Amino acid sequence: MMAIYNNATSGAGALHFHCLQHAAFENPGTILEWIAVNNHTISYTYFFNQNFSFPSLDDIDVLLVMGGIMNVYEEQQFPWLKEEKQFIKAAAGAGKKIIGICLGSQLVAAALGARVYKNKETEIGFFPVSFTHAAMQHQLFSHFKNPYNVFQWHGDTFDLPANAILIASSEICKHQAYLAGDNILGLQFHFEINETIIEDMLLHDGHELQQHGASIHTPQQIRKNFFHLQQNKKDMFLLLDKFFAA
């Protein structure tokens, strides 16, 4: 099943986004607000529905690849992962703009030939990332403070795709963000997140917080850090403005 939604009337310069969504509650979040404000449109492939389908690449301008509970290499349990990676690879080959978030950043990395594997520790909660010198010199990221607090929920990591630039790292995870060319952006952390999505993640996946470690926050710690979300949204909007102006 491929759902299609128009957020606003498309006009000159309007882009059509397509979202690969793996969990019903992990939607594009505040990216949807940016899409609506800029009169773009969005459609969806929902992998949690059995009758999902992929669009023609000719019909989309931008591919969003969202997070999820599965791992990139779990093709036996989630057979559609192989087809999804093939679609992402085709989109990259066609020069489409691509943004991968959390699992999405790992799927994009895998589609580009990089290895995805378990990180040394699970990272759940609000933690700082440090932008690289290359990132701070790049016009896309020059408006960010360094270090910068973002929401994390992941246990895996990835090698950088060939020719990709490392954008950000954290103490627990070296590869937090990458830029491949001027059209592919991978974000291990959740820039798109809002309070509603986090509460849904706590409801559905909260058992993962029972693991022990300094890199896993309690629900109370997470909620106390909700104040970061407003700045995240502001900075993400500016990042998207720049990314799609290029």
Protein backbone atom coordinates (compact mmCIF):
# COMPACT_ATOMS: atom_id res chain seq x y z
CA MET A 1 0.00 0.00 0.00
CA MET A 2 1.30 3.45 -0.86
CA ALA A 3 -0.50 6.31 0.87
CA ILE A 4 -0.44 9.77 -0.68
CA TYR A 5 -1.13 13.03 1.12
CA ASN A 6 -1.11 16.58 -0.12
CA ASN A 7 -0.12 18.99 2.66
CA ALA A 8 -0.73 22.03 0.52
CA THR A 9 -1.35 23.00 -3.05
CA SER A 10 1.78 22.39 -5.09
CA GLY A 11 3.12 25.43 -6.88
CA ALA A 12 6.16 26.38 -8.87
CA GLY A 13 9.21 24.78 -7.33
CA ALA A 14 7.17 22.41 -5.17
CA LEU A 15 8.84 19.08 -4.41
CA HIS A 16 7.25 15.68 -4.00
CA PHE A 17 8.63 13.74 -1.04
CA HIS A 18 8.22 10.01 -0.61
CA CYS A 19 8.60 8.50 2.85
CA LEU A 20 9.65 4.93 3.63
CA GLN A 21 8.05 4.40 7.05
CA HIS A 22 8.74 1.28 9.12
CA ALA A 23 6.64 1.84 12.25
CA ALA A 24 3.21 3.45 12.47
CA PHE A 25 4.34 5.89 15.17
CA GLU A 26 7.73 6.84 13.65
CA ASN A 27 6.55 9.34 11.06
CA PRO A 28 8.53 12.33 9.68
CA GLY A 29 7.49 14.45 12.66
CA THR A 30 8.44 18.10 12.33
CA ILE A 31 9.65 17.53 8.76
CA LEU A 32 5.95 17.34 7.89
CA GLU A 33 5.54 20.89 9.22
CA TRP A 34 8.40 22.10 7.02
CA ILE A 35 6.90 20.32 4.00
CA ALA A 36 3.52 21.97 4.59
CA VAL A 37 4.99 25.44 5.15
CA ASN A 38 6.87 25.18 1.85
CA ASN A 39 3.91 23.87 -0.18
CA HIS A 40 5.51 20.52 -0.94
CA THR A 41 3.68 17.17 -1.04
CA ILE A 42 4.39 13.77 0.47
CA SER A 43 3.44 10.13 -0.12
CA TYR A 44 4.26 7.01 1.90
CA THR A 45 5.28 3.40 1.68
CA TYR A 46 4.15 1.76 4.93
CA PHE A 47 6.11 -1.42 5.59
CA PHE A 48 3.87 -2.23 8.55
CA ASN A 49 1.08 -2.83 6.01
CA GLN A 50 1.31 -6.08 4.05
CA ASN A 51 0.26 -4.55 0.73
CA PHE A 52 2.97 -1.90 0.52
CA SER A 53 4.34 -0.66 -2.78
CA PHE A 54 7.09 1.58 -4.09
CA PRO A 55 6.48 4.58 -6.33
CA SER A 56 8.08 5.19 -9.69
CA LEU A 57 11.27 7.19 -9.18
CA ASP A 58 10.05 9.49 -11.94
CA ASP A 59 7.20 10.58 -9.63
CA ILE A 60 9.31 11.68 -6.66
CA ASP A 61 11.93 14.34 -5.97
CA VAL A 62 12.98 13.44 -2.43
CA LEU A 63 13.21 10.18 -0.49
CA LEU A 64 12.83 10.14 3.30
CA VAL A 65 13.87 6.92 5.06
CA MET A 66 12.66 6.76 8.65
CA GLY A 67 13.55 4.81 11.80
CA GLY A 68 12.22 1.51 13.07
CA ILE A 69 12.73 -1.38 15.49
CA MET A 70 14.28 -3.72 12.93
CA ASN A 71 17.95 -3.94 11.98
CA VAL A 72 19.32 -3.51 8.46
CA TYR A 73 20.63 -7.09 8.34
CA GLU A 74 17.43 -8.80 9.54
CA GLU A 75 16.25 -9.73 6.07
CA GLN A 76 15.09 -13.19 7.14
CA GLN A 77 12.66 -11.70 9.65
CA PHE A 78 11.80 -8.68 7.47
CA PRO A 79 12.17 -9.87 3.85
CA TRP A 80 11.18 -6.47 2.42
CA LEU A 81 14.45 -4.97 3.71
CA LYS A 82 16.27 -6.33 0.65
CA GLU A 83 13.80 -4.71 -1.73
CA GLU A 84 13.90 -1.48 0.25
CA LYS A 85 17.70 -1.25 0.02
CA GLN A 86 17.49 -1.88 -3.71
CA PHE A 87 14.98 0.97 -4.05
CA ILE A 88 17.19 3.33 -2.04
CA LYS A 89 20.19 2.39 -4.19
CA ALA A 90 18.17 3.11 -7.33
CA ALA A 91 17.04 6.46 -5.93
CA ALA A 92 20.65 7.38 -5.17
CA GLY A 93 21.69 6.32 -8.67
CA ALA A 94 18.95 8.53 -10.11
CA GLY A 95 20.36 11.54 -8.22
CA LYS A 96 17.35 11.96 -5.94
CA LYS A 97 17.71 13.93 -2.73
CA ILE A 98 17.73 11.42 0.14
CA ILE A 99 17.50 11.91 3.91
CA GLY A 100 17.91 8.86 6.14
CA ILE A 101 17.16 9.09 9.87
CA CYS A 102 18.26 6.53 12.49
CA LEU A 103 17.51 3.14 10.87
CA GLY A 104 17.09 5.17 7.69
CA SER A 105 20.68 6.42 7.86
CA GLN A 106 21.84 2.82 8.26
CA LEU A 107 19.71 1.61 5.34
CA VAL A 108 21.07 4.36 3.10
CA ALA A 109 24.62 3.52 4.17
CA ALA A 110 24.00 -0.17 3.40
CA ALA A 111 22.46 0.68 0.03
CA LEU A 112 25.61 2.64 -0.77
CA GLY A 113 27.77 -0.38 0.06
CA ALA A 114 28.78 0.35 3.67
CA ARG A 115 28.71 -2.13 6.56
CA VAL A 116 26.09 -1.86 9.33
CA TYR A 117 26.72 -3.58 12.66
CA LYS A 118 26.16 -3.43 16.43
CA ASN A 119 27.53 -0.34 18.15
CA LYS A 120 29.64 -0.83 21.28
CA GLU A 121 26.78 0.55 23.37
CA THR A 122 23.11 1.33 22.96
CA GLU A 123 22.35 5.05 22.99
CA ILE A 124 18.88 6.18 24.13
CA GLY A 125 18.10 9.69 25.30
CA PHE A 126 19.27 13.23 24.72
CA PHE A 127 23.04 13.33 24.18
CA PRO A 128 25.44 15.82 22.60
CA VAL A 129 27.02 15.31 19.21
CA SER A 130 30.11 17.16 18.06
CA PHE A 131 30.24 18.47 14.52
CA THR A 132 33.46 17.88 12.62
CA HIS A 133 35.64 20.70 11.34
CA ALA A 134 34.50 19.86 7.81
CA ALA A 135 30.87 20.19 8.90
CA MET A 136 31.36 23.55 10.60
CA GLN A 137 32.99 24.86 7.41
CA HIS A 138 30.08 23.60 5.31
CA GLN A 139 27.21 25.98 4.58
CA LEU A 140 24.62 23.32 5.51
CA PHE A 141 25.81 23.05 9.11
CA SER A 142 27.45 26.40 9.83
CA HIS A 143 24.46 27.60 11.91
CA PHE A 144 24.74 24.82 14.50
CA LYS A 145 26.27 25.24 17.93
CA ASN A 146 28.99 22.77 18.75
CA PRO A 147 28.48 20.49 20.68
CA TYR A 148 24.76 20.07 20.08
CA ASN A 149 22.09 18.08 21.99
CA VAL A 150 19.90 15.69 20.02
CA PHE A 151 17.64 12.71 20.70
CA GLN A 152 19.11 9.24 20.14
CA TRP A 153 17.57 5.75 20.06
CA HIS A 154 19.82 3.19 18.42
CA GLY A 155 21.94 0.13 19.07
CA ASP A 156 23.61 -0.19 15.66
CA THR A 157 26.11 1.90 13.75
CA PHE A 158 27.65 1.88 10.27
CA ASP A 159 30.82 2.51 8.33
CA LEU A 160 30.84 5.65 6.23
CA PRO A 161 29.77 5.10 2.63
CA ALA A 162 32.49 5.62 0.03
CA ASN A 163 33.20 9.32 -0.59
CA ALA A 164 30.91 10.40 2.26
CA ILE A 165 31.96 13.19 4.64
CA LEU A 166 31.66 12.62 8.38
CA ILE A 167 29.44 15.37 9.80
CA ALA A 168 29.02 14.55 13.49
CA SER A 169 30.10 12.11 16.22
CA SER A 170 29.14 11.37 19.81
CA GLU A 171 31.13 9.87 22.66
CA ILE A 172 29.34 6.55 22.17
CA CYS A 173 29.00 6.51 18.39
CA LYS A 174 31.61 7.90 15.99
CA HIS A 175 29.40 7.98 12.89
CA GLN A 176 26.40 10.12 13.82
CA ALA A 177 25.87 11.94 10.53
CA TYR A 178 27.28 11.95 7.01
CA LEU A 179 26.90 13.78 3.73
CA ALA A 180 27.40 11.96 0.43
CA GLY A 181 27.69 14.36 -2.46
CA ASP A 182 25.21 17.22 -2.29
CA ASN A 183 22.10 15.04 -2.33
CA ILE A 184 22.37 12.38 0.42
CA LEU A 185 22.20 13.15 4.14
CA GLY A 186 22.34 10.46 6.82
CA LEU A 187 21.43 11.29 10.43
CA GLN A 188 21.80 8.62 13.10
CA PHE A 189 20.05 10.92 15.59
CA HIS A 190 16.44 12.11 15.48
CA PHE A 191 16.20 15.69 14.23
CA GLU A 192 12.57 15.21 13.22
CA ILE A 193 11.37 14.06 16.61
CA ASN A 194 8.61 15.67 18.66
CA GLU A 195 7.14 14.93 22.08
CA THR A 196 4.31 12.80 20.67
CA ILE A 197 6.66 10.49 18.77
CA ILE A 198 8.97 10.11 21.77
CA GLU A 199 6.03 9.21 24.03
CA ASP A 200 4.93 6.60 21.46
CA MET A 201 8.46 5.20 21.32
CA LEU A 202 8.50 4.95 25.11
CA LEU A 203 5.13 3.19 25.01
CA HIS A 204 6.03 0.67 22.31
CA ASP A 205 9.79 0.22 22.79
CA GLY A 206 10.32 1.31 26.40
CA HIS A 207 11.55 -2.15 27.40
CA GLU A 208 14.85 -1.25 25.71
CA LEU A 209 15.49 1.27 28.49
CA GLN A 210 15.81 -1.62 30.96
CA GLN A 211 19.31 -2.25 29.65
CA HIS A 212 21.99 -0.90 31.95
CA GLY A 213 24.40 1.83 30.94
CA ALA A 214 25.19 5.51 31.27
CA SER A 215 24.16 5.99 27.64
CA ILE A 216 20.54 5.00 28.32
CA HIS A 217 18.31 7.62 29.93
CA THR A 218 15.23 6.91 32.00
CA PRO A 219 11.84 8.14 30.76
CA GLN A 220 12.04 10.89 33.37
CA GLN A 221 15.44 12.04 32.09
CA ILE A 222 14.15 12.01 28.53
CA ARG A 223 11.11 14.12 29.38
CA LYS A 224 13.24 16.63 31.30
CA ASN A 225 15.15 17.23 28.07
CA PHE A 226 12.12 17.93 25.89
CA PHE A 227 13.14 21.60 25.93
CA HIS A 228 15.84 20.78 23.34
CA LEU A 229 13.17 19.95 20.76
CA GLN A 230 12.24 23.55 20.03
CA GLN A 231 15.83 24.45 19.11
CA ASN A 232 16.21 21.19 17.16
CA LYS A 233 13.17 22.06 15.08
CA LYS A 234 14.39 25.59 14.37
CA ASP A 235 17.84 24.39 13.30
CA MET A 236 16.42 21.51 11.27
CA PHE A 237 14.14 23.89 9.34
CA LEU A 238 17.17 25.99 8.41
CA LEU A 239 19.13 22.87 7.45
CA LEU A 240 16.28 21.76 5.17
CA ASP A 241 16.06 25.24 3.64
CA LYS A 242 19.74 25.04 2.74
CA PHE A 243 19.68 21.38 1.65
CA PHE A 244 16.89 21.92 -0.83
CA ALA A 245 18.19 25.25 -2.07
CA ALA A 246 21.42 23.58 -3.21
